[in-house]
Amino acid sequence: MTAAPFGSHNGIVARAAERLVLAAKGVDEKSLVVPEAAHLALRPQYESNLRGWSIGGPAGMHAWLLYATEAYAAAAEASPLVRDAE
């Protein structure tokens, strides 16, 4: 997303790639959670941590990784599968 390789729609492509990586790495093999919903719900943190990531360095990467774990946990909790199980 921060590289902005396209004239438009960088965010859509980045979030699609995020889903593919989560599935390919076994974090969410069935692609059952919706990290995009968490990013939307946590939009200020999402944007702030993306800026930190784009600046680079260990602090930016550390902040993004902490944010991402929070976002993925929120996405898992919001999954329809969790709500249906309750």
N, C-alpha and C. Protein backbone atom coordinates (compact mmCIF):
# COMPACT_ATOMS: atom_id res chain seq x y z
N MET A 1 0.83 -1.19 0.00
CA MET A 1 0.00 0.00 0.00
C MET A 1 0.87 1.25 0.00
N THR A 2 1.89 1.27 0.82
CA THR A 2 2.70 2.48 0.93
C THR A 2 3.59 2.71 -0.28
N ALA A 3 3.86 1.66 -1.04
CA ALA A 3 4.65 1.83 -2.26
C ALA A 3 3.84 2.54 -3.34
N ALA A 4 2.51 2.40 -3.29
CA ALA A 4 1.58 3.04 -4.22
C ALA A 4 2.00 2.83 -5.68
N PRO A 5 2.10 1.57 -6.12
CA PRO A 5 2.57 1.31 -7.49
C PRO A 5 1.53 1.62 -8.57
N PHE A 6 0.28 1.79 -8.19
CA PHE A 6 -0.77 2.02 -9.17
C PHE A 6 -1.26 3.46 -9.10
N GLY A 7 -1.83 3.93 -10.17
CA GLY A 7 -2.38 5.28 -10.19
C GLY A 7 -3.55 5.44 -9.24
N SER A 8 -4.28 4.36 -9.05
CA SER A 8 -5.41 4.37 -8.12
C SER A 8 -5.60 2.96 -7.59
N HIS A 9 -6.43 2.83 -6.61
CA HIS A 9 -6.81 1.53 -6.04
C HIS A 9 -5.67 0.79 -5.35
N ASN A 10 -4.66 1.50 -4.87
CA ASN A 10 -3.56 0.86 -4.17
C ASN A 10 -4.06 0.12 -2.93
N GLY A 11 -5.01 0.71 -2.22
CA GLY A 11 -5.52 0.09 -1.01
C GLY A 11 -6.23 -1.23 -1.27
N ILE A 12 -7.03 -1.26 -2.32
CA ILE A 12 -7.76 -2.49 -2.65
C ILE A 12 -6.78 -3.61 -2.99
N VAL A 13 -5.78 -3.28 -3.81
CA VAL A 13 -4.79 -4.29 -4.19
C VAL A 13 -4.00 -4.75 -2.97
N ALA A 14 -3.63 -3.82 -2.11
CA ALA A 14 -2.85 -4.17 -0.92
C ALA A 14 -3.64 -5.07 0.01
N ARG A 15 -4.92 -4.78 0.21
CA ARG A 15 -5.72 -5.60 1.12
C ARG A 15 -6.02 -6.97 0.50
N ALA A 16 -6.14 -7.04 -0.81
CA ALA A 16 -6.29 -8.35 -1.47
C ALA A 16 -5.02 -9.17 -1.30
N ALA A 17 -3.88 -8.52 -1.48
CA ALA A 17 -2.60 -9.21 -1.28
C ALA A 17 -2.45 -9.66 0.18
N GLU A 18 -2.91 -8.84 1.11
CA GLU A 18 -2.86 -9.20 2.53
C GLU A 18 -3.64 -10.49 2.76
N ARG A 19 -4.84 -10.58 2.20
CA ARG A 19 -5.65 -11.80 2.35
C ARG A 19 -4.93 -13.01 1.77
N LEU A 20 -4.32 -12.84 0.59
CA LEU A 20 -3.60 -13.95 -0.04
C LEU A 20 -2.43 -14.42 0.81
N VAL A 21 -1.70 -13.48 1.39
CA VAL A 21 -0.56 -13.85 2.25
C VAL A 21 -1.06 -14.57 3.50
N LEU A 22 -2.12 -14.08 4.12
CA LEU A 22 -2.65 -14.74 5.31
C LEU A 22 -3.08 -16.17 5.00
N ALA A 23 -3.69 -16.37 3.84
CA ALA A 23 -4.11 -17.72 3.44
C ALA A 23 -2.90 -18.59 3.11
N ALA A 24 -1.97 -18.06 2.33
CA ALA A 24 -0.80 -18.83 1.89
C ALA A 24 0.10 -19.23 3.05
N LYS A 25 0.19 -18.38 4.06
CA LYS A 25 1.06 -18.67 5.21
C LYS A 25 0.36 -19.49 6.28
N GLY A 26 -0.91 -19.83 6.06
CA GLY A 26 -1.62 -20.68 7.01
C GLY A 26 -2.24 -19.95 8.19
N VAL A 27 -2.19 -18.63 8.19
CA VAL A 27 -2.80 -17.87 9.27
C VAL A 27 -4.32 -17.97 9.18
N ASP A 28 -4.83 -17.90 7.98
CA ASP A 28 -6.27 -18.00 7.72
C ASP A 28 -6.45 -18.76 6.40
N GLU A 29 -6.15 -20.04 6.44
CA GLU A 29 -6.12 -20.86 5.22
C GLU A 29 -7.42 -20.82 4.43
N LYS A 30 -8.54 -20.75 5.12
CA LYS A 30 -9.84 -20.77 4.45
C LYS A 30 -10.36 -19.36 4.17
N SER A 31 -9.60 -18.35 4.55
CA SER A 31 -9.98 -16.95 4.35
C SER A 31 -11.36 -16.66 4.95
N LEU A 32 -11.48 -17.01 6.23
CA LEU A 32 -12.76 -16.88 6.92
C LEU A 32 -12.92 -15.57 7.68
N VAL A 33 -11.83 -14.90 7.97
CA VAL A 33 -11.93 -13.63 8.67
C VAL A 33 -11.82 -12.49 7.66
N VAL A 34 -12.25 -11.32 8.07
CA VAL A 34 -12.28 -10.18 7.17
C VAL A 34 -11.41 -9.06 7.76
N PRO A 35 -10.10 -9.10 7.48
CA PRO A 35 -9.25 -8.06 8.05
C PRO A 35 -9.63 -6.66 7.57
N GLU A 36 -10.22 -6.56 6.38
CA GLU A 36 -10.63 -5.25 5.87
C GLU A 36 -11.64 -4.59 6.80
N ALA A 37 -12.52 -5.39 7.38
CA ALA A 37 -13.51 -4.84 8.31
C ALA A 37 -12.83 -4.29 9.56
N ALA A 38 -11.82 -5.01 10.02
CA ALA A 38 -11.08 -4.52 11.19
C ALA A 38 -10.31 -3.25 10.85
N HIS A 39 -9.70 -3.21 9.67
CA HIS A 39 -8.98 -1.99 9.27
C HIS A 39 -9.94 -0.81 9.20
N LEU A 40 -11.15 -1.05 8.73
CA LEU A 40 -12.13 0.03 8.67
C LEU A 40 -12.54 0.47 10.07
N ALA A 41 -12.80 -0.50 10.95
CA ALA A 41 -13.19 -0.17 12.32
C ALA A 41 -12.07 0.52 13.08
N LEU A 42 -10.84 0.20 12.73
CA LEU A 42 -9.66 0.77 13.40
C LEU A 42 -8.93 1.75 12.48
N ARG A 43 -9.69 2.44 11.67
CA ARG A 43 -9.11 3.27 10.61
C ARG A 43 -8.01 4.24 11.07
N PRO A 44 -8.20 4.99 12.15
CA PRO A 44 -7.12 5.90 12.56
C PRO A 44 -5.82 5.16 12.87
N GLN A 45 -5.92 4.02 13.55
CA GLN A 45 -4.73 3.24 13.86
C GLN A 45 -4.13 2.64 12.58
N TYR A 46 -5.01 2.18 11.69
CA TYR A 46 -4.56 1.62 10.41
C TYR A 46 -3.73 2.64 9.64
N GLU A 47 -4.28 3.83 9.48
CA GLU A 47 -3.58 4.87 8.72
C GLU A 47 -2.29 5.31 9.41
N SER A 48 -2.34 5.46 10.73
CA SER A 48 -1.15 5.87 11.47
C SER A 48 -0.04 4.83 11.36
N ASN A 49 -0.40 3.58 11.51
CA ASN A 49 0.61 2.53 11.44
C ASN A 49 1.13 2.31 10.03
N LEU A 50 0.30 2.55 9.03
CA LEU A 50 0.79 2.49 7.65
C LEU A 50 1.84 3.58 7.41
N ARG A 51 1.57 4.77 7.95
CA ARG A 51 2.57 5.85 7.82
C ARG A 51 3.87 5.45 8.51
N GLY A 52 3.75 4.85 9.70
CA GLY A 52 4.95 4.40 10.41
C GLY A 52 5.71 3.33 9.63
N TRP A 53 4.97 2.42 9.02
CA TRP A 53 5.59 1.37 8.20
C TRP A 53 6.32 1.99 7.01
N SER A 54 5.70 2.98 6.38
CA SER A 54 6.29 3.58 5.18
C SER A 54 7.58 4.33 5.50
N ILE A 55 7.66 4.89 6.70
CA ILE A 55 8.88 5.57 7.11
C ILE A 55 9.99 4.56 7.32
N GLY A 56 9.59 3.37 7.76
CA GLY A 56 10.54 2.27 7.90
C GLY A 56 11.21 2.23 9.25
N GLY A 57 12.18 1.40 9.32
CA GLY A 57 12.92 1.21 10.54
C GLY A 57 12.24 0.26 11.49
N PRO A 58 12.95 -0.17 12.50
CA PRO A 58 12.41 -1.13 13.46
C PRO A 58 11.17 -0.63 14.19
N ALA A 59 11.12 0.64 14.52
CA ALA A 59 9.96 1.16 15.27
C ALA A 59 8.69 1.11 14.43
N GLY A 60 8.79 1.49 13.16
CA GLY A 60 7.62 1.44 12.28
C GLY A 60 7.15 0.02 12.05
N MET A 61 8.09 -0.91 11.85
CA MET A 61 7.73 -2.30 11.64
C MET A 61 7.11 -2.88 12.91
N HIS A 62 7.69 -2.56 14.05
CA HIS A 62 7.18 -3.05 15.34
C HIS A 62 5.76 -2.56 15.57
N ALA A 63 5.51 -1.28 15.31
CA ALA A 63 4.17 -0.71 15.51
C ALA A 63 3.17 -1.37 14.56
N TRP A 64 3.56 -1.60 13.31
CA TRP A 64 2.65 -2.24 12.36
C TRP A 64 2.32 -3.66 12.81
N LEU A 65 3.31 -4.41 13.24
CA LEU A 65 3.06 -5.79 13.66
C LEU A 65 2.14 -5.85 14.87
N LEU A 66 2.32 -4.94 15.82
CA LEU A 66 1.41 -4.89 16.96
C LEU A 66 -0.01 -4.54 16.52
N TYR A 67 -0.11 -3.56 15.64
CA TYR A 67 -1.43 -3.18 15.12
C TYR A 67 -2.06 -4.37 14.37
N ALA A 68 -1.30 -5.03 13.52
CA ALA A 68 -1.84 -6.12 12.70
C ALA A 68 -2.39 -7.24 13.58
N THR A 69 -1.71 -7.57 14.66
CA THR A 69 -2.24 -8.62 15.54
C THR A 69 -3.56 -8.19 16.15
N GLU A 70 -3.68 -6.93 16.52
CA GLU A 70 -4.94 -6.41 17.06
C GLU A 70 -6.04 -6.46 15.99
N ALA A 71 -5.71 -6.05 14.77
CA ALA A 71 -6.70 -6.05 13.70
C ALA A 71 -7.14 -7.46 13.35
N TYR A 72 -6.21 -8.41 13.29
CA TYR A 72 -6.58 -9.79 12.93
C TYR A 72 -7.41 -10.43 14.03
N ALA A 73 -7.11 -10.11 15.27
CA ALA A 73 -7.93 -10.62 16.38
C ALA A 73 -9.34 -10.04 16.30
N ALA A 74 -9.45 -8.76 16.02
CA ALA A 74 -10.77 -8.13 15.89
C ALA A 74 -11.53 -8.73 14.71
N ALA A 75 -10.83 -9.00 13.62
CA ALA A 75 -11.46 -9.60 12.45
C ALA A 75 -11.96 -11.01 12.76
N ALA A 76 -11.19 -11.76 13.52
CA ALA A 76 -11.61 -13.12 13.88
C ALA A 76 -12.83 -13.07 14.80
N GLU A 77 -12.83 -12.14 15.75
CA GLU A 77 -13.96 -12.03 16.67
C GLU A 77 -15.24 -11.59 15.95
N ALA A 78 -15.09 -10.83 14.86
CA ALA A 78 -16.24 -10.36 14.11
C ALA A 78 -16.71 -11.35 13.05
N SER A 79 -16.02 -12.45 12.93
CA SER A 79 -16.38 -13.45 11.91
C SER A 79 -17.80 -13.97 12.13
N PRO A 80 -18.55 -14.12 11.06
CA PRO A 80 -19.89 -14.70 11.18
C PRO A 80 -19.87 -16.10 11.79
N LEU A 81 -18.77 -16.81 11.61
CA LEU A 81 -18.67 -18.15 12.18
C LEU A 81 -18.66 -18.11 13.71
N VAL A 82 -18.03 -17.09 14.27
CA VAL A 82 -18.00 -16.94 15.73
C VAL A 82 -19.38 -16.55 16.22
N ARG A 83 -20.00 -15.61 15.54
CA ARG A 83 -21.34 -15.17 15.95
C ARG A 83 -22.35 -16.32 15.86
N ASP A 84 -22.26 -17.15 14.81
CA ASP A 84 -23.17 -18.26 14.64
C ASP A 84 -22.98 -19.33 15.71
N ALA A 85 -21.76 -19.45 16.22
CA ALA A 85 -21.46 -20.48 17.21
C ALA A 85 -22.00 -20.11 18.60
N GLU A 86 -22.25 -18.84 18.82
CA GLU A 86 -22.69 -18.40 20.14
C GLU A 86 -24.10 -18.69 20.40
